[in-house]
Each structure stands twice: as C-alpha cells, then as structure tokens.
Amino acid sequence: MLRQLELSDYQLWMCKKIKEKLAEKHDYINCASHYPNEFEEREVISIALSEMLMKLDVIDKKAN
C-alpha cells in the first residue's frame, strides 16, 4: 500500500544528508538504484526506517 506524503523542507534536507552519507559507502547498492545519489526520497525513508528498527531491536535485546 502506497501513500502520498508531503515532506517538509527539513525532511527533504535529512533525505539529502542520508544520500550523501550512503554515497560515501561505495559498497551500498540498492536494487532499485545503482548509486545512492540516485535514490528517491521513498527509498531513503525506507532505508532510514529499516535502520531505526534494527537499532531499536538491538537496544531491546540488550535490555533483556
């Protein structure tokens, strides 16, 4: 299910910064794009949310 969301200037800026950081890691290739600077905002948000979920899972495991 896809939803159309409008991103604020701050959210777009964060997406840009994430793309820049991913571009520094040459081994990071997404199946939808060849290079991080070609990622669409939707891809960047998916990556960021996945990373956050993984970090929260690690924190949860450490707490237990």
PDB file of N, CA and C in Angstrom:
ATOM      1  N   MET A   1       0.847  -1.176   0.000  1.00  0.00           N
ATOM      2  CA  MET A   1       0.000   0.000   0.000  1.00  0.00           C
ATOM      3  C   MET A   1       0.895   1.243   0.000  1.00  0.00           C
ATOM      4  N   LEU A   2       0.725   2.072  -0.988  1.00  0.00           N
ATOM      5  CA  LEU A   2       1.495   3.303  -1.088  1.00  0.00           C
ATOM      6  C   LEU A   2       0.632   4.477  -0.673  1.00  0.00           C
ATOM      7  N   ARG A   3       1.268   5.382   0.058  1.00  0.00           N
ATOM      8  CA  ARG A   3       0.579   6.611   0.457  1.00  0.00           C
ATOM      9  C   ARG A   3       1.375   7.788  -0.064  1.00  0.00           C
ATOM     10  N   GLN A   4       0.683   8.795  -0.459  1.00  0.00           N
ATOM     11  CA  GLN A   4       1.325  10.006  -0.934  1.00  0.00           C
ATOM     12  C   GLN A   4       1.533  10.928   0.260  1.00  0.00           C
ATOM     13  N   LEU A   5       2.777  11.233   0.565  1.00  0.00           N
ATOM     14  CA  LEU A   5       3.089  12.109   1.685  1.00  0.00           C
ATOM     15  C   LEU A   5       3.851  13.327   1.188  1.00  0.00           C
ATOM     16  N   GLU A   6       3.602  14.445   1.812  1.00  0.00           N
ATOM     17  CA  GLU A   6       4.392  15.633   1.521  1.00  0.00           C
ATOM     18  C   GLU A   6       5.455  15.754   2.594  1.00  0.00           C
ATOM     19  N   LEU A   7       6.695  15.938   2.162  1.00  0.00           N
ATOM     20  CA  LEU A   7       7.793  16.072   3.104  1.00  0.00           C
ATOM     21  C   LEU A   7       8.093  17.546   3.340  1.00  0.00           C
ATOM     22  N   SER A   8       8.438  17.852   4.578  1.00  0.00           N
ATOM     23  CA  SER A   8       8.819  19.225   4.910  1.00  0.00           C
ATOM     24  C   SER A   8      10.217  19.498   4.357  1.00  0.00           C
ATOM     25  N   ASP A   9      10.597  20.752   4.349  1.00  0.00           N
ATOM     26  CA  ASP A   9      11.952  21.108   3.914  1.00  0.00           C
ATOM     27  C   ASP A   9      12.992  20.404   4.775  1.00  0.00           C
ATOM     28  N   TYR A  10      12.727  20.301   6.063  1.00  0.00           N
ATOM     29  CA  TYR A  10      13.660  19.638   6.976  1.00  0.00           C
ATOM     30  C   TYR A  10      13.781  18.153   6.636  1.00  0.00           C
ATOM     31  N   GLN A  11      12.660  17.496   6.351  1.00  0.00           N
ATOM     32  CA  GLN A  11      12.695  16.076   5.997  1.00  0.00           C
ATOM     33  C   GLN A  11      13.433  15.865   4.675  1.00  0.00           C
ATOM     34  N   LEU A  12      13.235  16.746   3.722  1.00  0.00           N
ATOM     35  CA  LEU A  12      13.959  16.660   2.455  1.00  0.00           C
ATOM     36  C   LEU A  12      15.451  16.874   2.674  1.00  0.00           C
ATOM     37  N   TRP A  13      15.807  17.797   3.560  1.00  0.00           N
ATOM     38  CA  TRP A  13      17.209  18.038   3.893  1.00  0.00           C
ATOM     39  C   TRP A  13      17.822  16.787   4.521  1.00  0.00           C
ATOM     40  N   MET A  14      17.079  16.141   5.436  1.00  0.00           N
ATOM     41  CA  MET A  14      17.587  14.911   6.053  1.00  0.00           C
ATOM     42  C   MET A  14      17.778  13.821   5.002  1.00  0.00           C
ATOM     43  N   CYS A  15      16.855  13.701   4.062  1.00  0.00           N
ATOM     44  CA  CYS A  15      17.000  12.720   2.978  1.00  0.00           C
ATOM     45  C   CYS A  15      18.268  13.000   2.176  1.00  0.00           C
ATOM     46  N   LYS A  16      18.511  14.272   1.909  1.00  0.00           N
ATOM     47  CA  LYS A  16      19.717  14.655   1.164  1.00  0.00           C
ATOM     48  C   LYS A  16      20.967  14.252   1.934  1.00  0.00           C
ATOM     49  N   LYS A  17      20.983  14.502   3.237  1.00  0.00           N
ATOM     50  CA  LYS A  17      22.141  14.155   4.066  1.00  0.00           C
ATOM     51  C   LYS A  17      22.349  12.643   4.115  1.00  0.00           C
ATOM     52  N   ILE A  18      21.262  11.881   4.200  1.00  0.00           N
ATOM     53  CA  ILE A  18      21.368  10.417   4.210  1.00  0.00           C
ATOM     54  C   ILE A  18      21.942   9.936   2.883  1.00  0.00           C
ATOM     55  N   LYS A  19      21.476  10.507   1.770  1.00  0.00           N
ATOM     56  CA  LYS A  19      22.017  10.140   0.456  1.00  0.00           C
ATOM     57  C   LYS A  19      23.513  10.403   0.399  1.00  0.00           C
ATOM     58  N   GLU A  20      23.944  11.557   0.946  1.00  0.00           N
ATOM     59  CA  GLU A  20      25.368  11.890   0.946  1.00  0.00           C
ATOM     60  C   GLU A  20      26.165  10.872   1.752  1.00  0.00           C
ATOM     61  N   LYS A  21      25.644  10.491   2.915  1.00  0.00           N
ATOM     62  CA  LYS A  21      26.337   9.501   3.752  1.00  0.00           C
ATOM     63  C   LYS A  21      26.392   8.145   3.064  1.00  0.00           C
ATOM     64  N   LEU A  22      25.298   7.731   2.418  1.00  0.00           N
ATOM     65  CA  LEU A  22      25.287   6.456   1.703  1.00  0.00           C
ATOM     66  C   LEU A  22      26.258   6.481   0.529  1.00  0.00           C
ATOM     67  N   ALA A  23      26.379   7.636  -0.125  1.00  0.00           N
ATOM     68  CA  ALA A  23      27.295   7.762  -1.260  1.00  0.00           C
ATOM     69  C   ALA A  23      28.744   7.583  -0.821  1.00  0.00           C
ATOM     70  N   GLU A  24      29.047   7.907   0.446  1.00  0.00           N
ATOM     71  CA  GLU A  24      30.400   7.709   0.973  1.00  0.00           C
ATOM     72  C   GLU A  24      30.725   6.225   1.105  1.00  0.00           C
ATOM     73  N   LYS A  25      29.702   5.392   1.254  1.00  0.00           N
ATOM     74  CA  LYS A  25      29.877   3.945   1.373  1.00  0.00           C
ATOM     75  C   LYS A  25      29.664   3.345  -0.011  1.00  0.00           C
ATOM     76  N   HIS A  26      30.743   3.127  -0.735  1.00  0.00           N
ATOM     77  CA  HIS A  26      30.652   2.682  -2.123  1.00  0.00           C
ATOM     78  C   HIS A  26      30.052   1.294  -2.272  1.00  0.00           C
ATOM     79  N   ASP A  27      30.044   0.499  -1.216  1.00  0.00           N
ATOM     80  CA  ASP A  27      29.517  -0.858  -1.315  1.00  0.00           C
ATOM     81  C   ASP A  27      28.005  -0.921  -1.129  1.00  0.00           C
ATOM     82  N   TYR A  28      27.361   0.200  -0.852  1.00  0.00           N
ATOM     83  CA  TYR A  28      25.913   0.206  -0.626  1.00  0.00           C
ATOM     84  C   TYR A  28      25.199   0.397  -1.954  1.00  0.00           C
ATOM     85  N   ILE A  29      24.587  -0.662  -2.436  1.00  0.00           N
ATOM     86  CA  ILE A  29      23.831  -0.605  -3.687  1.00  0.00           C
ATOM     87  C   ILE A  29      22.419  -1.101  -3.407  1.00  0.00           C
ATOM     88  N   ASN A  30      21.442  -0.353  -3.854  1.00  0.00           N
ATOM     89  CA  ASN A  30      20.041  -0.729  -3.684  1.00  0.00           C
ATOM     90  C   ASN A  30      19.536  -1.328  -4.992  1.00  0.00           C
ATOM     91  N   CYS A  31      18.647  -2.296  -4.906  1.00  0.00           N
ATOM     92  CA  CYS A  31      18.156  -2.956  -6.119  1.00  0.00           C
ATOM     93  C   CYS A  31      17.399  -1.994  -7.034  1.00  0.00           C
ATOM     94  N   ALA A  32      16.821  -0.951  -6.495  1.00  0.00           N
ATOM     95  CA  ALA A  32      16.045  -0.022  -7.316  1.00  0.00           C
ATOM     96  C   ALA A  32      16.921   1.055  -7.968  1.00  0.00           C
ATOM     97  N   SER A  33      18.110   1.268  -7.453  1.00  0.00           N
ATOM     98  CA  SER A  33      19.011   2.292  -7.975  1.00  0.00           C
ATOM     99  C   SER A  33      20.425   1.738  -7.993  1.00  0.00           C
ATOM    100  N   HIS A  34      21.230   2.291  -8.843  1.00  0.00           N
ATOM    101  CA  HIS A  34      22.613   1.838  -8.909  1.00  0.00           C
ATOM    102  C   HIS A  34      23.500   2.568  -7.904  1.00  0.00           C
ATOM    103  N   TYR A  35      23.225   3.818  -7.657  1.00  0.00           N
ATOM    104  CA  TYR A  35      24.058   4.614  -6.769  1.00  0.00           C
ATOM    105  C   TYR A  35      23.177   5.369  -5.781  1.00  0.00           C
ATOM    106  N   PRO A  36      23.675   5.553  -4.557  1.00  0.00           N
ATOM    107  CA  PRO A  36      22.854   6.244  -3.540  1.00  0.00           C
ATOM    108  C   PRO A  36      22.359   7.623  -3.957  1.00  0.00           C
ATOM    109  N   ASN A  37      23.143   8.366  -4.740  1.00  0.00           N
ATOM    110  CA  ASN A  37      22.671   9.704  -5.119  1.00  0.00           C
ATOM    111  C   ASN A  37      21.496   9.650  -6.087  1.00  0.00           C
ATOM    112  N   GLU A  38      21.175   8.444  -6.611  1.00  0.00           N
ATOM    113  CA  GLU A  38      20.006   8.276  -7.473  1.00  0.00           C
ATOM    114  C   GLU A  38      18.770   7.838  -6.691  1.00  0.00           C
ATOM    115  N   PHE A  39      18.923   7.580  -5.393  1.00  0.00           N
ATOM    116  CA  PHE A  39      17.798   7.117  -4.587  1.00  0.00           C
ATOM    117  C   PHE A  39      16.701   8.173  -4.565  1.00  0.00           C
ATOM    118  N   GLU A  40      15.481   7.708  -4.659  1.00  0.00           N
ATOM    119  CA  GLU A  40      14.331   8.585  -4.475  1.00  0.00           C
ATOM    120  C   GLU A  40      14.116   8.751  -2.968  1.00  0.00           C
ATOM    121  N   GLU A  41      13.373   9.790  -2.582  1.00  0.00           N
ATOM    122  CA  GLU A  41      13.115  10.017  -1.162  1.00  0.00           C
ATOM    123  C   GLU A  41      12.446   8.805  -0.522  1.00  0.00           C
ATOM    124  N   ARG A  42      11.555   8.137  -1.249  1.00  0.00           N
ATOM    125  CA  ARG A  42      10.867   6.955  -0.714  1.00  0.00           C
ATOM    126  C   ARG A  42      11.885   5.883  -0.316  1.00  0.00           C
ATOM    127  N   GLU A  43      12.916   5.678  -1.156  1.00  0.00           N
ATOM    128  CA  GLU A  43      13.952   4.684  -0.852  1.00  0.00           C
ATOM    129  C   GLU A  43      14.765   5.093   0.373  1.00  0.00           C
ATOM    130  N   VAL A  44      15.098   6.371   0.439  1.00  0.00           N
ATOM    131  CA  VAL A  44      15.879   6.870   1.575  1.00  0.00           C
ATOM    132  C   VAL A  44      15.096   6.694   2.870  1.00  0.00           C
ATOM    133  N   ILE A  45      13.820   7.010   2.847  1.00  0.00           N
ATOM    134  CA  ILE A  45      12.984   6.862   4.040  1.00  0.00           C
ATOM    135  C   ILE A  45      12.880   5.396   4.431  1.00  0.00           C
ATOM    136  N   SER A  46      12.741   4.502   3.457  1.00  0.00           N
ATOM    137  CA  SER A  46      12.685   3.063   3.756  1.00  0.00           C
ATOM    138  C   SER A  46      13.975   2.588   4.406  1.00  0.00           C
ATOM    139  N   ILE A  47      15.108   3.040   3.884  1.00  0.00           N
ATOM    140  CA  ILE A  47      16.403   2.666   4.464  1.00  0.00           C
ATOM    141  C   ILE A  47      16.505   3.182   5.892  1.00  0.00           C
ATOM    142  N   ALA A  48      16.146   4.449   6.090  1.00  0.00           N
ATOM    143  CA  ALA A  48      16.250   5.049   7.424  1.00  0.00           C
ATOM    144  C   ALA A  48      15.340   4.345   8.428  1.00  0.00           C
ATOM    145  N   LEU A  49      14.124   4.033   8.026  1.00  0.00           N
ATOM    146  CA  LEU A  49      13.206   3.343   8.935  1.00  0.00           C
ATOM    147  C   LEU A  49      13.697   1.931   9.243  1.00  0.00           C
ATOM    148  N   SER A  50      14.248   1.244   8.251  1.00  0.00           N
ATOM    149  CA  SER A  50      14.797  -0.099   8.482  1.00  0.00           C
ATOM    150  C   SER A  50      15.957  -0.053   9.464  1.00  0.00           C
ATOM    151  N   GLU A  51      16.837   0.927   9.283  1.00  0.00           N
ATOM    152  CA  GLU A  51      17.981   1.079  10.186  1.00  0.00           C
ATOM    153  C   GLU A  51      17.510   1.370  11.609  1.00  0.00           C
ATOM    154  N   MET A  52      16.519   2.231  11.747  1.00  0.00           N
ATOM    155  CA  MET A  52      15.994   2.565  13.069  1.00  0.00           C
ATOM    156  C   MET A  52      15.382   1.342  13.724  1.00  0.00           C
ATOM    157  N   LEU A  53      14.628   0.560  12.968  1.00  0.00           N
ATOM    158  CA  LEU A  53      14.020  -0.652  13.504  1.00  0.00           C
ATOM    159  C   LEU A  53      15.089  -1.639  13.971  1.00  0.00           C
ATOM    160  N   MET A  54      16.152  -1.784  13.188  1.00  0.00           N
ATOM    161  CA  MET A  54      17.246  -2.680  13.580  1.00  0.00           C
ATOM    162  C   MET A  54      17.920  -2.189  14.858  1.00  0.00           C
ATOM    163  N   LYS A  55      18.154  -0.884  14.953  1.00  0.00           N
ATOM    164  CA  LYS A  55      18.792  -0.331  16.156  1.00  0.00           C
ATOM    165  C   LYS A  55      17.905  -0.510  17.381  1.00  0.00           C
ATOM    166  N   LEU A  56      16.610  -0.305  17.219  1.00  0.00           N
ATOM    167  CA  LEU A  56      15.694  -0.498  18.343  1.00  0.00           C
ATOM    168  C   LEU A  56      15.658  -1.961  18.767  1.00  0.00           C
ATOM    169  N   ASP A  57      15.764  -2.870  17.817  1.00  0.00           N
ATOM    170  CA  ASP A  57      15.796  -4.298  18.123  1.00  0.00           C
ATOM    171  C   ASP A  57      17.048  -4.637  18.927  1.00  0.00           C
ATOM    172  N   VAL A  58      18.184  -4.060  18.552  1.00  0.00           N
ATOM    173  CA  VAL A  58      19.436  -4.286  19.287  1.00  0.00           C
ATOM    174  C   VAL A  58      19.317  -3.746  20.707  1.00  0.00           C
ATOM    175  N   ILE A  59      18.747  -2.561  20.853  1.00  0.00           N
ATOM    176  CA  ILE A  59      18.556  -1.970  22.184  1.00  0.00           C
ATOM    177  C   ILE A  59      17.649  -2.860  23.023  1.00  0.00           C
ATOM    178  N   ASP A  60      16.576  -3.361  22.414  1.00  0.00           N
ATOM    179  CA  ASP A  60      15.639  -4.234  23.117  1.00  0.00           C
ATOM    180  C   ASP A  60      16.329  -5.517  23.578  1.00  0.00           C
ATOM    181  N   LYS A  61      17.167  -6.093  22.743  1.00  0.00           N
ATOM    182  CA  LYS A  61      17.878  -7.325  23.105  1.00  0.00           C
ATOM    183  C   LYS A  61      18.865  -7.078  24.241  1.00  0.00           C
ATOM    184  N   LYS A  62      19.511  -5.915  24.246  1.00  0.00           N
ATOM    185  CA  LYS A  62      20.459  -5.583  25.315  1.00  0.00           C
ATOM    186  C   LYS A  62      19.734  -5.385  26.643  1.00  0.00           C
ATOM    187  N   ALA A  63      18.511  -4.870  26.577  1.00  0.00           N
ATOM    188  CA  ALA A  63      17.744  -4.615  27.799  1.00  0.00           C
ATOM    189  C   ALA A  63      17.248  -5.909  28.430  1.00  0.00           C
ATOM    190  N   ASN A  64      17.086  -6.934  27.635  1.00  0.00           N
ATOM    191  CA  ASN A  64      16.562  -8.212  28.153  1.00  0.00           C
ATOM    192  C   ASN A  64      17.653  -9.139  28.472  1.00  0.00           C
TER     193      ASN A  64
END
